[in-house]
Amino acid sequence: MYQNYTIGQTKFVLNYNYDLPQNHIARLIGDFVDSIPQNVLLEDSGAATGRPSSHPAIMLKILLFAYARQTYSGRKIEMMLDENLPMRWLAHDYTYSYHTINNFRRSQHASKLIKHAFVYFTMALKDHGLIQNDAVFIDGT
């Protein structure tokens, strides 16, 4: 048995740009991740064989938005991708399984990428005059 195949079917595509306010956190996260240089994002090109890897920028956007919404479970992040409009906007309407999300999260590349993102975020805050260069502390509680 095959899936239904119709060529002439009309497709209705939603434009998610119109549904998000300009000051929404998803836009902020998207702009921030897009400001990270491509050579940093694509430092690890992935395996030479098999299916192509998911783009690290999209995966980082997904994780940052989920963490901003206090969602840490891979299955709940997957559910957000299905149900949450800002999350779908960030993911460019791609869907990822919890397994893919957790594999990315566990990878060395993601670990390095999050560290680089923290450095770029700190530099952006400093450039906008929101923090000073004296000391930066992270509260781990």
Protein backbone atom coordinates (compact mmCIF):
# COMPACT_ATOMS: atom_id res chain seq x y z
CA MET A 1 0.00 0.00 0.00
CA TYR A 2 1.22 3.48 -0.86
CA GLN A 3 0.38 6.94 0.39
CA ASN A 4 -2.19 8.93 -1.54
CA TYR A 5 -0.52 10.62 -4.52
CA THR A 6 -2.28 13.53 -6.21
CA ILE A 7 -0.34 16.03 -8.28
CA GLY A 8 -3.02 18.62 -8.93
CA GLN A 9 -4.07 19.12 -5.32
CA THR A 10 -4.15 22.72 -4.09
CA LYS A 11 -1.99 23.37 -1.06
CA PHE A 12 -2.72 26.05 1.51
CA VAL A 13 0.48 27.33 3.12
CA LEU A 14 0.38 29.52 6.20
CA ASN A 15 2.85 32.36 6.47
CA TYR A 16 4.00 32.32 10.08
CA ASN A 17 5.71 35.72 9.83
CA TYR A 18 2.36 37.48 10.05
CA ASP A 19 1.32 35.72 13.22
CA LEU A 20 4.26 36.63 15.46
CA PRO A 21 4.54 40.11 16.96
CA GLN A 22 7.80 41.95 16.29
CA ASN A 23 8.77 41.85 19.98
CA HIS A 24 8.12 38.11 20.44
CA ILE A 25 10.91 36.11 22.07
CA ALA A 26 10.95 33.68 19.11
CA ARG A 27 12.00 36.52 16.80
CA LEU A 28 14.70 37.55 19.28
CA ILE A 29 16.04 34.00 19.47
CA GLY A 30 15.92 33.65 15.69
CA ASP A 31 17.78 36.92 15.13
CA PHE A 32 20.35 36.04 17.78
CA VAL A 33 21.12 32.58 16.36
CA ASP A 34 21.25 34.02 12.83
CA SER A 35 23.85 36.55 14.06
CA ILE A 36 26.25 33.75 15.05
CA PRO A 37 28.82 33.31 12.25
CA GLN A 38 28.25 30.32 9.96
CA ASN A 39 31.76 28.99 10.53
CA VAL A 40 30.93 28.62 14.25
CA LEU A 41 27.56 27.00 13.53
CA LEU A 42 28.96 24.59 10.96
CA GLU A 43 32.18 23.73 12.79
CA ASP A 44 31.31 20.03 12.79
CA SER A 45 30.02 19.06 9.35
CA GLY A 46 28.63 15.71 10.52
CA ALA A 47 29.10 12.27 9.05
CA ALA A 48 30.11 11.85 5.43
CA THR A 49 27.62 9.03 4.90
CA GLY A 50 23.96 8.59 5.70
CA ARG A 51 21.16 11.09 5.88
CA PRO A 52 22.24 14.76 6.05
CA SER A 53 22.26 16.22 9.54
CA SER A 54 19.76 18.79 10.71
CA HIS A 55 21.09 22.33 10.47
CA PRO A 56 22.62 23.32 13.82
CA ALA A 57 21.05 26.79 13.68
CA ILE A 58 17.53 25.36 13.58
CA MET A 59 18.30 22.89 16.35
CA LEU A 60 19.83 25.63 18.51
CA LYS A 61 16.78 27.85 17.97
CA ILE A 62 14.51 24.99 19.00
CA LEU A 63 16.50 24.31 22.16
CA LEU A 64 16.82 27.95 23.20
CA PHE A 65 13.10 28.60 22.76
CA ALA A 66 12.17 25.42 24.64
CA TYR A 67 14.53 26.29 27.48
CA ALA A 68 13.11 29.83 27.60
CA ARG A 69 9.67 28.21 28.10
CA GLN A 70 11.01 25.90 30.85
CA THR A 71 10.64 22.82 28.65
CA TYR A 72 13.55 20.41 28.94
CA SER A 73 12.14 17.01 27.97
CA GLY A 74 12.85 15.85 24.43
CA ARG A 75 9.31 14.51 24.07
CA LYS A 76 7.80 17.78 25.27
CA ILE A 77 10.01 19.74 22.88
CA GLU A 78 8.79 17.48 20.08
CA MET A 79 5.21 18.21 21.17
CA MET A 80 5.97 21.94 21.12
CA LEU A 81 7.14 21.57 17.51
CA ASP A 82 3.76 20.11 16.62
CA GLU A 83 1.54 22.46 18.63
CA ASN A 84 3.36 25.74 19.23
CA LEU A 85 3.24 28.31 16.43
CA PRO A 86 6.39 30.26 17.46
CA MET A 87 8.31 26.99 17.70
CA ARG A 88 7.14 25.98 14.22
CA TRP A 89 8.17 29.42 12.95
CA LEU A 90 11.66 28.96 14.41
CA ALA A 91 11.96 25.45 12.95
CA HIS A 92 10.83 26.63 9.49
CA ASP A 93 7.93 24.16 9.78
CA TYR A 94 10.26 21.16 10.05
CA THR A 95 9.43 18.49 12.58
CA TYR A 96 12.01 16.51 14.50
CA SER A 97 11.55 13.47 16.69
CA TYR A 98 12.52 13.54 20.34
CA HIS A 99 15.31 11.12 19.43
CA THR A 100 16.84 13.62 16.96
CA ILE A 101 16.49 16.46 19.46
CA ASN A 102 18.13 14.45 22.24
CA ASN A 103 20.92 13.21 19.96
CA PHE A 104 21.74 16.79 19.00
CA ARG A 105 21.57 17.92 22.62
CA ARG A 106 23.97 15.16 23.68
CA SER A 107 26.48 15.80 20.90
CA GLN A 108 29.86 17.46 21.39
CA HIS A 109 28.96 19.93 18.65
CA ALA A 110 25.89 21.13 20.58
CA SER A 111 27.96 21.49 23.73
CA LYS A 112 30.50 23.68 21.92
CA LEU A 113 27.74 25.59 20.15
CA ILE A 114 25.96 26.47 23.40
CA LYS A 115 29.25 27.70 24.88
CA HIS A 116 29.86 29.86 21.79
CA ALA A 117 26.27 31.13 21.96
CA PHE A 118 26.83 32.18 25.58
CA VAL A 119 29.95 34.12 24.55
CA TYR A 120 28.13 35.84 21.66
CA PHE A 121 25.15 36.62 23.91
CA THR A 122 27.44 38.16 26.53
CA MET A 123 29.18 40.24 23.84
CA ALA A 124 25.81 41.43 22.49
CA LEU A 125 24.69 42.48 25.97
CA LYS A 126 27.97 44.32 26.49
CA ASP A 127 27.69 46.06 23.10
CA HIS A 128 24.19 47.28 23.97
CA GLY A 129 25.40 48.58 27.34
CA LEU A 130 23.25 46.19 29.35
CA ILE A 131 26.17 44.67 31.26
CA GLN A 132 29.63 45.87 32.20
CA ASN A 133 32.91 44.14 31.56
CA ASP A 134 33.75 43.80 35.26
CA ALA A 135 32.50 40.28 35.97
CA VAL A 136 29.84 37.92 34.74
CA PHE A 137 28.42 35.33 37.14
CA ILE A 138 26.05 32.48 36.43
CA ASP A 139 23.73 31.40 39.21
CA GLY A 140 23.54 27.64 39.11
CA THR A 141 20.62 27.29 41.52
